[in-house]
C-alpha cells in the first residue's frame, strides 16, 4: 500500500505524471518531472511499496555510500507536492519507473491519492520515437477523453489503437473515477532518441504552460536544447546519408505543417502566449 506522509490541503491541484521506460523516449517526459520538482522545491509526500510492483531483476536496487555507510536504494514511484508554483495552483508530481506488474492496482493507488488530494485534473506525459526532424519544432500531441476538457483546452480525442504503457492505464483510471485527464506526447527524432533530448523536454514543458495557463521557468532547457540540436547537426553533417535523410524529414514536416500557418492558428497561439504571461495586451 502507498506510504503517505503529511499530505497538505491543496489549492486547485493538478497531478502531473511521467515514468521512465517504454513511455519515455529521450528521457523527455521524466525530465519534465525532475525539472518541475527542482524548480518548485517539491517535497516527497508518498512512495509506493516497490515490493508490490517491480521486478528487481529488471530494475535492480543500487548500493549507495552515504557518510561512509552503505545503503540500498530501491526503484519505486514517488509522489511529490509543490505548493509554491508559478501557476497560482498546487501541483502533485508522480515520478517513477514504469512498474513490472500489477498495473491496475498501481493505478488505483495513485487515483486514491489523487482523490484524497482533491485533484481537479491528471496530466500524463510521454515521449515516443518518430519520423521527425531534430531541426524542426518537436511535435507534441495533447488529447483527452473528456469532451468538456477537450473544449476547454482546445484538444483532440485520441484515435490511437494498440499497445499502451502505464501512462495510458493511469489516464484511463482517472477517467474511471471521474477525474478529467489529458495525455501529452512528444515525438522524438528516432535517430536521436537514445540519449537525453532536452528539446523534447522543453516542448512538453511549453505544452504544459498552455494547458495550465501559466508560465513555468525553463532554467537551462533553452540553452540545452540549442546545444542538443547543434550536436545532431554536426553528426548529420559528417554522414551524407544521414544528412539526406534529415533533409527529407524536414521537407515532409514543412509540407505537413503548411496548412497550420493560418491567421486563426497564429491568433490562437498568440492568445495562449498572453494567457501564460498573465496579460491581455501585446
Protein backbone atom coordinates (compact mmCIF):
# COMPACT_ATOMS: atom_id res chain seq x y z
CA UNK A 1 0.00 0.00 0.00
CA UNK A 2 1.01 3.61 -0.51
CA UNK A 3 3.03 5.20 2.27
CA UNK A 4 1.65 8.71 2.80
CA UNK A 5 3.42 11.37 4.85
CA UNK A 6 1.66 14.61 5.77
CA UNK A 7 -0.37 15.36 2.66
CA UNK A 8 -1.24 19.07 2.99
CA UNK A 9 -4.52 20.65 1.98
CA UNK A 10 -4.03 21.68 -1.62
CA UNK A 11 -5.36 24.52 -3.76
CA UNK A 12 -6.94 23.62 -7.12
CA UNK A 13 -4.38 20.84 -7.51
CA UNK A 14 -3.41 19.18 -10.76
CA UNK A 15 -1.49 15.88 -10.95
CA UNK A 16 1.33 15.55 -13.50
CA UNK A 17 2.81 12.08 -14.03
CA UNK A 18 5.63 10.59 -16.09
CA UNK A 19 7.55 7.33 -15.91
CA UNK A 20 10.92 6.10 -17.08
CA UNK A 21 10.87 3.23 -19.54
CA UNK A 22 8.69 2.45 -22.55
CA UNK A 23 6.85 5.79 -22.32
CA UNK A 24 9.98 7.94 -22.14
CA UNK A 25 11.95 8.24 -25.41
CA UNK A 26 14.95 10.51 -24.97
CA UNK A 27 14.11 10.67 -21.25
CA UNK A 28 11.99 13.63 -22.28
CA UNK A 29 8.91 13.03 -20.10
CA UNK A 30 10.66 12.01 -16.89
CA UNK A 31 12.97 15.02 -17.25
CA UNK A 32 9.92 17.32 -17.10
CA UNK A 33 9.01 15.95 -13.68
CA UNK A 34 12.60 16.33 -12.48
CA UNK A 35 12.65 19.91 -13.74
CA UNK A 36 9.36 20.83 -12.08
CA UNK A 37 10.32 19.20 -8.79
CA UNK A 38 13.57 21.16 -8.69
CA UNK A 39 12.10 24.45 -9.93
CA UNK A 40 9.24 24.41 -7.43
CA UNK A 41 11.08 22.80 -4.49
CA UNK A 42 8.57 19.97 -4.39
CA UNK A 43 8.52 17.77 -1.28
CA UNK A 44 8.05 13.99 -1.25
CA UNK A 45 4.80 13.07 0.50
CA UNK A 46 4.34 9.45 -0.54
CA UNK A 47 6.04 6.41 -2.01
CA UNK A 48 4.60 3.17 -3.36
CA UNK A 49 5.99 -0.03 -1.92
CA UNK A 50 8.38 -1.29 -4.63
CA UNK A 51 7.90 -4.88 -3.48
CA UNK A 52 4.36 -4.78 -4.88
CA UNK A 53 5.13 -3.56 -8.39
CA UNK A 54 8.73 -4.04 -9.50
CA UNK A 55 10.81 -6.94 -10.74
CA UNK A 56 14.18 -6.28 -9.10
CA UNK A 57 15.99 -8.36 -11.69
CA UNK A 58 14.78 -5.81 -14.26
CA UNK A 59 15.03 -2.70 -12.09
CA UNK A 60 17.84 -3.67 -9.77
CA UNK A 61 18.34 -1.80 -6.50
CA UNK A 62 21.52 0.22 -6.16
CA UNK A 63 24.14 0.30 -3.44
CA UNK A 64 24.95 3.83 -2.26
CA UNK A 65 27.54 5.21 0.12
CA UNK A 66 26.34 7.94 2.47
CA UNK A 67 28.55 9.32 5.22
CA UNK A 68 30.77 6.27 5.00
CA UNK A 69 27.85 3.82 5.31
CA UNK A 70 26.34 1.60 2.65
CA UNK A 71 22.62 1.56 1.97
CA UNK A 72 20.28 0.11 -0.64
CA UNK A 73 18.22 2.40 -2.87
CA UNK A 74 15.11 0.73 -4.31
CA UNK A 75 13.43 1.75 -7.54
CA UNK A 76 9.91 2.93 -6.80
CA UNK A 77 7.36 5.60 -7.62
CA UNK A 78 7.29 8.74 -5.52
CA UNK A 79 4.64 11.41 -5.13
CA UNK A 80 5.78 14.98 -4.58
CA UNK A 81 3.78 18.11 -3.82
CA UNK A 82 4.66 21.63 -4.96
CA UNK A 83 2.79 24.45 -3.20
CA UNK A 84 4.99 27.33 -4.36
CA UNK A 85 4.43 27.22 -8.11
CA UNK A 86 4.21 29.90 -10.77
CA UNK A 87 0.72 28.74 -11.76
CA UNK A 88 -1.38 30.02 -8.88
CA UNK A 89 -2.31 26.45 -8.01
CA UNK A 90 -0.70 23.46 -6.30
CA UNK A 91 0.77 20.56 -8.23
CA UNK A 92 1.12 16.86 -7.40
CA UNK A 93 4.04 15.25 -9.24
CA UNK A 94 4.27 11.50 -9.85
CA UNK A 95 7.82 10.35 -10.58
CA UNK A 96 8.98 6.80 -11.06
CA UNK A 97 9.76 3.83 -13.26
CA UNK A 98 7.09 2.01 -15.23
CA UNK A 99 6.04 -0.90 -12.97
CA UNK A 100 6.73 -4.51 -13.90
CA UNK A 101 3.36 -5.92 -12.85
CA UNK A 102 0.00 -5.28 -11.09
CA UNK A 103 -0.68 -2.18 -13.18
CA UNK A 104 -4.35 -1.94 -12.24
CA UNK A 105 -3.58 -1.95 -8.53
CA UNK A 106 -0.79 0.57 -9.14
CA UNK A 107 -3.16 2.94 -10.96
CA UNK A 108 -5.85 2.52 -8.30
CA UNK A 109 -3.41 3.52 -5.55
CA UNK A 110 -2.42 6.67 -7.40
CA UNK A 111 -6.03 7.57 -8.14
CA UNK A 112 -6.97 7.11 -4.49
CA UNK A 113 -4.23 9.56 -3.63
CA UNK A 114 -5.43 11.95 -6.36
CA UNK A 115 -8.91 11.87 -4.86
CA UNK A 116 -7.54 12.41 -1.35
CA UNK A 117 -5.68 15.47 -2.68
CA UNK A 118 -8.85 16.68 -4.46
CA UNK A 119 -7.01 16.79 -7.77
CA UNK A 120 -9.02 18.53 -10.50
CA UNK A 121 -7.10 17.12 -13.48
CA UNK A 122 -4.49 14.45 -14.25
CA UNK A 123 -1.89 15.18 -16.93
CA UNK A 124 0.22 12.27 -18.14
CA UNK A 125 3.40 12.87 -20.11
CA UNK A 126 5.08 10.56 -22.59
CA UNK A 127 7.57 10.59 -25.43
CA UNK A 128 7.93 8.28 -28.40
CA UNK A 129 10.40 7.89 -31.24
CA UNK A 130 9.03 9.12 -34.55
CA UNK A 131 9.98 10.15 -38.10
CA UNK A 132 10.51 13.83 -37.33
CA UNK A 133 13.45 16.16 -37.90
CA UNK A 134 15.56 17.36 -34.97
CA UNK A 135 15.89 20.79 -36.62
CA UNK A 136 12.15 21.45 -36.57
CA UNK A 137 9.85 22.12 -33.59
CA UNK A 138 9.19 18.92 -31.63
CA UNK A 139 5.56 17.89 -32.26
CA UNK A 140 3.52 17.43 -29.08
CA UNK A 141 0.05 15.89 -29.22
CA UNK A 142 -2.41 16.57 -26.41
CA UNK A 143 -5.60 14.53 -26.17
CA UNK A 144 -8.40 13.86 -23.72
CA UNK A 145 -11.36 11.52 -23.47
CA UNK A 146 -13.38 14.22 -21.69
CA UNK A 147 -15.50 16.34 -24.01
CA UNK A 148 -15.53 19.28 -21.57
CA UNK A 149 -11.74 19.12 -21.19
CA UNK A 150 -11.22 18.97 -24.96
CA UNK A 151 -13.42 22.02 -25.44
CA UNK A 152 -11.83 24.00 -22.60
CA UNK A 153 -8.25 23.39 -23.72
CA UNK A 154 -8.78 23.02 -27.48
CA UNK A 155 -7.66 19.38 -27.53
CA UNK A 156 -8.34 16.40 -29.75
CA UNK A 157 -9.74 12.99 -28.90
CA UNK A 158 -7.16 10.27 -29.35
CA UNK A 159 -7.81 7.78 -32.14
CA UNK A 160 -4.83 5.58 -31.24
CA UNK A 161 -5.33 1.83 -31.00
CA UNK A 162 -2.53 -0.53 -29.97
CA UNK A 163 -0.16 -1.31 -27.09
CA UNK A 164 -0.08 1.19 -24.26
CA UNK A 165 2.14 1.97 -21.31
CA UNK A 166 1.44 2.81 -17.70
CA UNK A 167 0.57 6.42 -18.63
CA UNK A 168 -2.27 5.13 -20.79
CA UNK A 169 -3.52 2.93 -17.95
CA UNK A 170 -3.26 5.82 -15.49
CA UNK A 171 -5.19 8.17 -17.79
CA UNK A 172 -7.95 5.57 -18.13
CA UNK A 173 -8.03 5.05 -14.35
CA UNK A 174 -8.52 8.80 -13.88
CA UNK A 175 -11.46 8.74 -16.28
CA UNK A 176 -12.97 5.77 -14.43
CA UNK A 177 -13.02 7.71 -11.13
CA UNK A 178 -14.36 10.87 -12.73
CA UNK A 179 -11.17 12.94 -12.83
CA UNK A 180 -10.54 14.64 -16.19
CA UNK A 181 -7.26 13.60 -17.77
CA UNK A 182 -5.03 14.94 -20.54
CA UNK A 183 -2.33 12.92 -22.28
CA UNK A 184 0.65 14.78 -23.80
CA UNK A 185 3.16 13.00 -26.05
CA UNK A 186 6.30 14.43 -27.61
CA UNK A 187 7.65 12.97 -30.86
CA UNK A 188 11.42 12.49 -30.55
CA UNK A 189 13.55 12.02 -33.70
CA UNK A 190 14.18 8.28 -33.80
CA UNK A 191 17.76 8.73 -34.97
CA UNK A 192 18.46 10.80 -31.83
CA UNK A 193 16.11 9.20 -29.33
CA UNK A 194 18.51 7.06 -27.32
CA UNK A 195 20.14 9.98 -25.50
CA UNK A 196 18.51 12.68 -23.36
CA UNK A 197 16.53 15.10 -25.55
CA UNK A 198 16.19 18.48 -23.82
CA UNK A 199 14.42 19.89 -26.88
CA UNK A 200 11.60 17.35 -26.42
CA UNK A 201 11.53 18.07 -22.69
CA UNK A 202 11.18 21.79 -23.44
CA UNK A 203 8.38 21.07 -25.93
CA UNK A 204 6.42 19.15 -23.28
CA UNK A 205 7.06 21.90 -20.74
CA UNK A 206 5.76 24.53 -23.16
CA UNK A 207 2.63 22.44 -23.76
CA UNK A 208 2.09 22.32 -20.00
CA UNK A 209 2.24 26.11 -19.92
CA UNK A 210 -0.60 26.17 -22.44
CA UNK A 211 -2.67 23.61 -20.57
CA UNK A 212 -2.20 25.17 -17.14
CA UNK A 213 -2.43 28.79 -18.28
CA UNK A 214 0.74 29.98 -16.60
CA UNK A 215 4.48 30.46 -17.10
CA UNK A 216 6.98 27.84 -15.96
CA UNK A 217 10.63 28.67 -15.50
CA UNK A 218 12.68 26.99 -18.24
CA UNK A 219 16.00 27.10 -16.42
CA UNK A 220 18.76 25.87 -18.71
CA UNK A 221 16.44 23.97 -21.04
CA UNK A 222 16.51 26.59 -23.80
CA UNK A 223 20.31 26.58 -23.88
CA UNK A 224 20.47 22.80 -23.59
CA UNK A 225 18.00 22.44 -26.48
CA UNK A 226 20.14 24.56 -28.77
CA UNK A 227 23.25 22.62 -27.78
CA UNK A 228 21.47 19.30 -28.45
CA UNK A 229 20.33 20.49 -31.86
CA UNK A 230 23.83 21.70 -32.76
CA UNK A 231 25.26 18.34 -31.74
CA UNK A 232 22.83 16.46 -34.01
CA UNK A 233 23.61 18.94 -36.81
CA UNK A 234 27.31 18.06 -36.54
CA UNK A 235 26.51 14.34 -36.52
CA UNK A 236 24.35 14.66 -39.63
CA UNK A 237 26.93 16.79 -41.43
CA UNK A 238 29.53 14.05 -41.01
CA UNK A 239 27.42 11.44 -42.83
CA UNK A 240 25.97 12.14 -46.27
CA UNK A 241 23.23 9.52 -45.97
CA UNK A 242 22.10 10.84 -42.59
CA UNK A 243 22.14 14.40 -43.92
CA UNK A 244 19.97 13.45 -46.89
CA UNK A 245 17.58 11.55 -44.65
CA UNK A 246 17.23 14.51 -42.27
CA UNK A 247 16.60 16.81 -45.24
CA UNK A 248 13.80 14.54 -46.44
CA UNK A 249 12.22 14.61 -42.98
CA UNK A 250 12.47 18.40 -42.90
CA UNK A 251 10.73 18.70 -46.26
CA UNK A 252 7.98 16.29 -45.25
CA UNK A 253 7.41 18.07 -41.93
CA UNK A 254 7.41 21.53 -43.51
CA UNK A 255 4.86 20.43 -46.11
CA UNK A 256 2.61 18.82 -43.50
CA UNK A 257 2.64 21.93 -41.31
CA UNK A 258 1.83 24.47 -44.05
CA UNK A 259 -1.97 24.34 -43.50
CA UNK A 260 -1.41 25.24 -39.84
CA UNK A 261 0.10 28.63 -40.77
CA UNK A 262 -3.32 30.26 -40.97
CA UNK A 263 -4.46 33.52 -39.42
CA UNK A 264 -6.70 31.66 -36.96
CA UNK A 265 -3.86 29.38 -35.84
CA UNK A 266 -1.48 32.31 -35.35
CA UNK A 267 -4.10 34.27 -33.41
CA UNK A 268 -4.86 31.27 -31.20
CA UNK A 269 -1.18 30.77 -30.42
CA UNK A 270 -0.83 34.46 -29.53
CA UNK A 271 -3.81 34.24 -27.17
CA UNK A 272 -2.17 31.29 -25.42
CA UNK A 273 1.02 33.29 -25.04
CA UNK A 274 -0.85 36.20 -23.45
CA UNK A 275 -2.64 33.89 -21.00
CA UNK A 276 0.67 32.35 -19.93
CA UNK A 277 2.15 35.80 -19.29
CA UNK A 278 -0.85 36.99 -17.36
CA UNK A 279 -1.70 39.99 -19.59
CA UNK A 280 -4.31 40.94 -22.16
CA UNK A 281 -2.03 43.32 -24.02
CA UNK A 282 0.62 42.60 -26.64
